[in-house]
Amino acid sequence: MKGITLRQLRLFSAVARHLSFRKAADELHLTPPAISMQIKELEEQVGLPLFDRSGRSVTLTVTGEYLLTYARRILATLKDAEDAVARFRGLQTGRLTIGMVSTAKYFVPRLMARFRAEHPGIEVRLAVGSNREQLVRLLQSNEVDLAIMGRPPREMATRAEPFAVHPHVIVTPPDHPLIKMGHAPAAALANYEFMIREEGSGTRAAMEAFFAEHRLEPRIAMEMTSNETIKQAVMAGMGISFLSLHTIGFELKAGLIAVADIEGLPLLKRWYIVNTLAKTLSPAAEAFRYFVLEQAERFLALEYGATAAGHAPA
């Protein structure tokens, strides 16, 4: 195994995280064949297969699971070394990995672009967790410097700082009866079928809290793991949904989707920027943390209007 490279370990870790060559390639801005070639070379070095490839599914072998544990340790140690050296170099250069839940991908890249404009020497990578649990694992394994999420982890020691209001609303087609009702009681939602996010997502947890508060049981038509799929289903008239306002900016402005005026909504949660207490942040990570705390709330308010500041939609 002396011929194993750090590049191969990074690619292996990405494929293991996504259990998908295509998603790993998208994250690392490579092609799937390039990823496959590197993994094949790594398997030749190890002398055993690391992944089971059955049809379209990819799973780790027992050997792959063991190697992943050591690969993550190696990459985490290397990242700590890079951060230590970065503190001597100052803020001009550095590498920064930001983790985020999928709902945050609608605004974090634009925040990141503004940050990069101020700090062009910092290399930035985004890692999207499909849900909260996956993002917590990225924090635990030291694969991200900072995480943007709606529910900070309780299972590990972190610093979690709120930086903006996170409104959740009922979304419908523009011609839906709820829109015509004007201000509707929460009980009116019992008449309609819902497209909902999967268990473990922050959106699902917020929805369940809202319905529990109003003693309602939603009529679930379908459960989906993607905000994009839910939006398409709502626009197609398949049902209504409970979503983050920050996921529907384009569709709302284009008149493709509407926000119903419902008693008790918007449900206001908070966005947090999170880092583990066991790790000292690099100058680049500290700079991005301050940037988010100082500028993100204003940015979201400008993008999403009064609702982002906590007022009901017009």
Protein backbone atom coordinates (compact mmCIF):
# COMPACT_ATOMS: atom_id res chain seq x y z
CA MET A 1 0.00 0.00 0.00
CA LYS A 2 3.02 2.31 -0.20
CA GLY A 3 1.87 3.65 -3.56
CA ILE A 4 -1.42 5.05 -2.23
CA THR A 5 -1.74 8.80 -2.77
CA LEU A 6 -3.58 11.43 -0.76
CA ARG A 7 -5.57 12.25 -3.89
CA GLN A 8 -6.82 8.67 -4.04
CA LEU A 9 -7.81 8.78 -0.37
CA ARG A 10 -9.73 12.02 -0.92
CA LEU A 11 -11.58 10.55 -3.88
CA PHE A 12 -12.26 7.32 -1.99
CA SER A 13 -13.65 9.27 0.97
CA ALA A 14 -15.95 11.30 -1.31
CA VAL A 15 -17.32 8.20 -3.06
CA ALA A 16 -17.82 6.48 0.32
CA ARG A 17 -19.69 9.53 1.65
CA HIS A 18 -22.08 9.74 -1.31
CA LEU A 19 -22.07 6.03 -2.26
CA SER A 20 -22.12 7.38 -5.80
CA PHE A 21 -19.31 7.93 -8.31
CA ARG A 22 -21.34 10.58 -10.11
CA LYS A 23 -22.10 12.62 -6.98
CA ALA A 24 -18.46 12.42 -5.87
CA ALA A 25 -17.40 13.59 -9.32
CA ASP A 26 -19.83 16.54 -9.16
CA GLU A 27 -18.50 17.54 -5.74
CA LEU A 28 -14.86 17.38 -6.82
CA HIS A 29 -15.44 18.84 -10.31
CA LEU A 30 -14.17 15.70 -12.03
CA THR A 31 -15.71 13.20 -14.43
CA PRO A 32 -17.07 9.84 -13.20
CA PRO A 33 -14.55 7.92 -15.39
CA ALA A 34 -11.69 9.84 -13.75
CA ILE A 35 -13.00 8.91 -10.30
CA SER A 36 -13.46 5.27 -11.33
CA MET A 37 -9.90 5.07 -12.65
CA GLN A 38 -8.43 6.41 -9.41
CA ILE A 39 -10.55 4.05 -7.27
CA LYS A 40 -9.49 1.12 -9.46
CA GLU A 41 -5.83 2.03 -8.94
CA LEU A 42 -6.44 2.32 -5.19
CA GLU A 43 -8.05 -1.13 -5.14
CA GLU A 44 -5.05 -2.54 -6.99
CA GLN A 45 -2.77 -1.05 -4.32
CA VAL A 46 -4.90 -2.53 -1.53
CA GLY A 47 -5.29 -5.85 -3.31
CA LEU A 48 -8.99 -6.16 -2.47
CA PRO A 49 -12.20 -4.51 -3.72
CA LEU A 50 -13.35 -1.49 -1.73
CA PHE A 51 -16.82 -1.16 -3.24
CA ASP A 52 -19.53 -3.57 -4.27
CA ARG A 53 -20.94 -2.41 -7.59
CA SER A 54 -24.28 -4.15 -8.10
CA GLY A 55 -26.18 -2.56 -10.95
CA ARG A 56 -26.54 1.14 -10.18
CA SER A 57 -25.97 0.82 -6.42
CA VAL A 58 -22.58 1.25 -4.74
CA THR A 59 -21.81 -0.01 -1.23
CA LEU A 60 -18.61 -0.34 0.77
CA THR A 61 -17.08 -3.76 1.25
CA VAL A 62 -15.82 -4.76 4.69
CA THR A 63 -12.31 -3.85 3.52
CA GLY A 64 -13.62 -0.52 2.30
CA GLU A 65 -15.22 0.25 5.67
CA TYR A 66 -11.94 -0.42 7.49
CA LEU A 67 -9.90 1.63 5.03
CA LEU A 68 -12.39 4.51 5.26
CA THR A 69 -11.76 4.81 9.01
CA TYR A 70 -8.02 5.23 8.46
CA ALA A 71 -8.46 7.42 5.37
CA ARG A 72 -10.56 9.88 7.36
CA ARG A 73 -7.96 9.96 10.14
CA ILE A 74 -5.18 10.65 7.65
CA LEU A 75 -7.11 13.40 5.86
CA ALA A 76 -8.20 14.99 9.15
CA THR A 77 -4.62 15.04 10.43
CA LEU A 78 -3.43 16.56 7.18
CA LYS A 79 -6.15 19.23 7.39
CA ASP A 80 -5.07 20.08 10.94
CA ALA A 81 -1.48 20.47 9.69
CA GLU A 82 -2.64 22.71 6.84
CA ASP A 83 -4.62 24.89 9.27
CA ALA A 84 -1.62 25.18 11.61
CA VAL A 85 0.61 26.31 8.74
CA ALA A 86 -2.12 28.68 7.52
CA ARG A 87 -2.00 30.52 10.85
CA PHE A 88 1.64 31.36 10.11
CA ARG A 89 0.91 32.40 6.51
CA GLY A 90 -1.98 34.66 7.47
CA LEU A 91 -5.28 35.08 5.66
CA GLN A 92 -4.04 35.60 2.09
CA THR A 93 -4.27 31.91 1.17
CA GLY A 94 -5.82 28.74 2.56
CA ARG A 95 -8.33 26.00 1.91
CA LEU A 96 -11.81 26.03 3.37
CA THR A 97 -14.53 23.36 3.34
CA ILE A 98 -18.05 24.44 4.23
CA GLY A 99 -20.70 21.82 4.97
CA MET A 100 -24.38 22.58 4.64
CA VAL A 101 -27.76 20.90 4.68
CA SER A 102 -29.43 20.69 1.29
CA THR A 103 -31.88 23.52 2.07
CA ALA A 104 -28.97 25.93 2.55
CA LYS A 105 -27.64 25.35 -0.97
CA TYR A 106 -30.13 27.94 -2.24
CA PHE A 107 -28.22 30.82 -0.67
CA VAL A 108 -24.81 29.67 0.64
CA PRO A 109 -23.08 29.57 -2.79
CA ARG A 110 -24.00 33.23 -3.36
CA LEU A 111 -22.68 34.14 0.08
CA MET A 112 -19.54 32.20 -0.75
CA ALA A 113 -19.12 34.15 -4.00
CA ARG A 114 -19.20 37.41 -2.06
CA PHE A 115 -16.65 36.06 0.40
CA ARG A 116 -14.36 34.90 -2.42
CA ALA A 117 -14.52 38.35 -3.99
CA GLU A 118 -13.03 39.75 -0.77
CA HIS A 119 -10.55 36.86 -0.30
CA PRO A 120 -9.58 35.58 -3.78
CA GLY A 121 -6.60 33.59 -2.47
CA ILE A 122 -8.76 31.24 -0.40
CA GLU A 123 -9.77 27.96 -2.06
CA VAL A 124 -13.32 27.03 -1.09
CA ARG A 125 -15.17 23.72 -1.35
CA LEU A 126 -18.81 23.05 -0.50
CA ALA A 127 -20.03 19.73 0.89
CA VAL A 128 -23.81 19.21 0.86
CA GLY A 129 -25.30 16.77 3.35
CA SER A 130 -28.57 15.27 2.18
CA ASN A 131 -29.87 15.67 5.74
CA ARG A 132 -28.79 16.74 9.21
CA GLU A 133 -27.39 13.35 10.22
CA GLN A 134 -25.01 13.23 7.27
CA LEU A 135 -23.79 16.76 8.00
CA VAL A 136 -23.17 15.85 11.65
CA ARG A 137 -21.02 12.92 10.47
CA LEU A 138 -18.98 15.31 8.31
CA LEU A 139 -18.36 17.49 11.38
CA GLN A 140 -17.46 14.50 13.53
CA SER A 141 -14.96 13.17 10.98
CA ASN A 142 -13.38 16.63 10.55
CA GLU A 143 -14.25 16.68 6.83
CA VAL A 144 -15.67 20.21 7.03
CA ASP A 145 -14.36 23.32 8.79
CA LEU A 146 -17.77 24.89 9.37
CA ALA A 147 -21.35 23.76 8.86
CA ILE A 148 -24.48 25.73 8.09
CA MET A 149 -27.59 24.05 9.44
CA GLY A 150 -30.90 24.62 11.19
CA ARG A 151 -30.53 22.25 14.15
CA PRO A 152 -27.07 22.19 15.78
CA PRO A 153 -25.91 18.76 16.98
CA ARG A 154 -26.40 17.81 20.62
CA GLU A 155 -24.34 14.64 20.32
CA MET A 156 -20.99 16.47 20.18
CA ALA A 157 -19.37 19.61 21.61
CA THR A 158 -19.81 22.49 19.16
CA ARG A 159 -20.03 26.25 18.95
CA ALA A 160 -23.35 27.03 17.24
CA GLU A 161 -24.06 30.69 16.46
CA PRO A 162 -27.38 31.87 15.00
CA PHE A 163 -27.00 34.27 12.10
CA ALA A 164 -30.41 34.64 10.41
CA VAL A 165 -34.11 33.88 10.68
CA HIS A 166 -35.20 30.76 8.76
CA PRO A 167 -38.93 30.98 7.86
CA HIS A 168 -40.99 27.92 6.89
CA VAL A 169 -44.23 28.31 4.94
CA ILE A 170 -47.00 26.40 3.16
CA VAL A 171 -46.39 26.38 -0.60
CA THR A 172 -49.11 25.75 -3.18
CA PRO A 173 -49.83 26.27 -6.88
CA PRO A 174 -50.73 29.93 -7.59
CA ASP A 175 -54.42 29.11 -8.20
CA HIS A 176 -54.89 26.92 -5.11
CA PRO A 177 -58.04 27.40 -2.94
CA LEU A 178 -55.87 28.30 0.06
CA ILE A 179 -54.55 31.33 -1.83
CA LYS A 180 -58.09 32.48 -2.60
CA MET A 181 -59.10 32.15 1.06
CA GLY A 182 -56.73 34.87 2.20
CA HIS A 183 -55.81 34.40 5.87
CA ALA A 184 -56.79 30.79 6.59
CA PRO A 185 -56.92 28.89 9.91
CA ALA A 186 -54.38 26.12 10.40
CA ALA A 187 -57.26 23.64 10.50
CA ALA A 188 -57.88 24.29 6.79
CA LEU A 189 -54.70 22.36 5.99
CA ALA A 190 -56.40 19.11 6.99
CA ASN A 191 -58.33 19.22 3.70
CA TYR A 192 -55.27 18.86 1.45
CA GLU A 193 -52.61 16.28 0.64
CA PHE A 194 -48.98 17.06 1.44
CA MET A 195 -45.70 16.30 -0.31
CA ILE A 196 -43.19 16.09 2.57
CA ARG A 197 -39.47 15.75 3.20
CA GLU A 198 -37.97 12.54 4.58
CA GLU A 199 -37.41 11.66 8.24
CA GLY A 200 -34.23 13.24 9.59
CA SER A 201 -34.47 16.45 7.59
CA GLY A 202 -34.80 19.79 9.38
CA THR A 203 -37.78 20.71 7.21
CA ARG A 204 -39.63 17.56 8.28
CA ALA A 205 -38.89 18.26 11.95
CA ALA A 206 -40.19 21.85 11.63
CA MET A 207 -43.35 20.64 9.86
CA GLU A 208 -44.05 18.05 12.54
CA ALA A 209 -43.59 20.66 15.27
CA PHE A 210 -46.06 23.00 13.55
CA PHE A 211 -48.72 20.31 13.10
CA ALA A 212 -48.25 19.04 16.66
CA GLU A 213 -48.75 22.57 18.00
CA HIS A 214 -52.05 22.87 16.11
CA ARG A 215 -53.08 19.26 16.84
CA LEU A 216 -53.36 18.39 13.18
CA GLU A 217 -52.47 15.23 11.30
CA PRO A 218 -51.28 15.99 7.75
CA ARG A 219 -52.60 13.90 4.88
CA ILE A 220 -49.35 12.63 3.35
CA ALA A 221 -49.48 11.95 -0.38
CA MET A 222 -45.77 11.35 -0.90
CA GLU A 223 -42.43 11.52 0.91
CA MET A 224 -39.43 12.88 -1.02
CA THR A 225 -35.76 13.50 -0.30
CA SER A 226 -35.38 16.57 -2.51
CA ASN A 227 -36.78 20.10 -2.23
CA GLU A 228 -36.54 20.38 -6.02
CA THR A 229 -38.73 17.31 -6.56
CA ILE A 230 -41.27 18.58 -4.05
CA LYS A 231 -41.46 21.96 -5.78
CA GLN A 232 -42.02 20.33 -9.16
CA ALA A 233 -44.77 18.16 -7.66
CA VAL A 234 -46.48 21.19 -6.10
CA MET A 235 -46.31 23.13 -9.37
CA ALA A 236 -47.82 20.10 -11.15
CA GLY A 237 -50.80 20.21 -8.78
CA MET A 238 -50.01 16.93 -7.00
CA GLY A 239 -50.38 18.47 -3.54
CA ILE A 240 -49.10 21.22 -1.26
CA SER A 241 -46.03 21.28 0.97
CA PHE A 242 -44.31 22.73 4.00
CA LEU A 243 -40.94 24.16 2.90
CA SER A 244 -38.28 26.65 3.82
CA LEU A 245 -38.97 30.05 2.26
CA HIS A 246 -35.31 30.10 1.27
CA THR A 247 -35.83 27.23 -1.18
CA ILE A 248 -38.53 28.87 -3.33
CA GLY A 249 -37.12 32.30 -4.20
CA PHE A 250 -36.97 31.80 -7.97
CA GLU A 251 -40.34 30.07 -8.28
CA LEU A 252 -42.01 32.68 -6.08
CA LYS A 253 -40.65 35.62 -8.12
CA ALA A 254 -41.62 33.88 -11.37
CA GLY A 255 -45.19 33.26 -10.18
CA LEU A 256 -44.80 29.48 -10.50
CA ILE A 257 -45.57 28.81 -6.86
CA ALA A 258 -47.38 30.66 -4.07
CA VAL A 259 -47.15 31.02 -0.30
CA ALA A 260 -50.42 30.53 1.56
CA ASP A 261 -51.32 32.91 4.38
CA ILE A 262 -51.90 30.43 7.22
CA GLU A 263 -52.51 30.99 10.92
CA GLY A 264 -49.26 30.54 12.87
CA LEU A 265 -47.02 30.86 9.81
CA PRO A 266 -44.35 31.56 8.81
CA LEU A 267 -42.77 29.28 11.41
CA LEU A 268 -39.55 31.04 12.33
CA LYS A 269 -36.49 28.92 13.00
CA ARG A 270 -32.84 30.01 12.90
CA TRP A 271 -29.87 29.31 10.70
CA TYR A 272 -26.66 28.46 12.59
CA ILE A 273 -23.01 28.38 11.67
CA VAL A 274 -21.38 25.52 13.56
CA ASN A 275 -17.86 24.28 14.28
CA THR A 276 -16.50 21.62 16.62
CA LEU A 277 -14.87 22.83 19.83
CA ALA A 278 -12.13 20.20 19.51
CA LYS A 279 -10.68 21.94 16.46
CA THR A 280 -9.00 25.35 16.22
CA LEU A 281 -10.30 27.18 13.17
CA SER A 282 -7.88 28.28 10.46
CA PRO A 283 -7.67 32.00 9.58
CA ALA A 284 -9.76 31.31 6.46
CA ALA A 285 -12.47 29.57 8.49
CA GLU A 286 -12.52 32.34 11.09
CA ALA A 287 -12.81 34.93 8.33
CA PHE A 288 -15.79 33.13 6.78
CA ARG A 289 -17.42 32.73 10.21
CA TYR A 290 -17.21 36.48 10.84
CA PHE A 291 -18.42 37.17 7.29
CA VAL A 292 -21.55 35.06 7.80
CA LEU A 293 -22.31 36.51 11.23
CA GLU A 294 -21.97 40.07 9.94
CA GLN A 295 -23.53 39.89 6.48
CA ALA A 296 -25.75 36.84 6.00
CA GLU A 297 -28.87 38.15 7.75
CA ARG A 298 -28.95 41.33 5.68
CA PHE A 299 -28.32 39.34 2.50
CA LEU A 300 -31.24 36.99 3.18
CA ALA A 301 -33.56 39.85 4.10
CA LEU A 302 -32.78 41.58 0.80
CA GLU A 303 -33.26 38.36 -1.16
CA TYR A 304 -36.51 37.21 0.45
CA GLY A 305 -38.07 40.46 1.61
CA ALA A 306 -40.13 41.03 4.74
CA THR A 307 -40.84 37.35 5.35
CA ALA A 308 -37.17 36.65 5.95
CA ALA A 309 -37.23 39.23 8.69
CA GLY A 310 -40.10 37.47 10.41
CA HIS A 311 -43.25 39.06 8.97
CA ALA A 312 -46.10 37.23 7.30
CA PRO A 313 -46.04 37.05 3.50
CA ALA A 314 -48.12 39.57 1.62
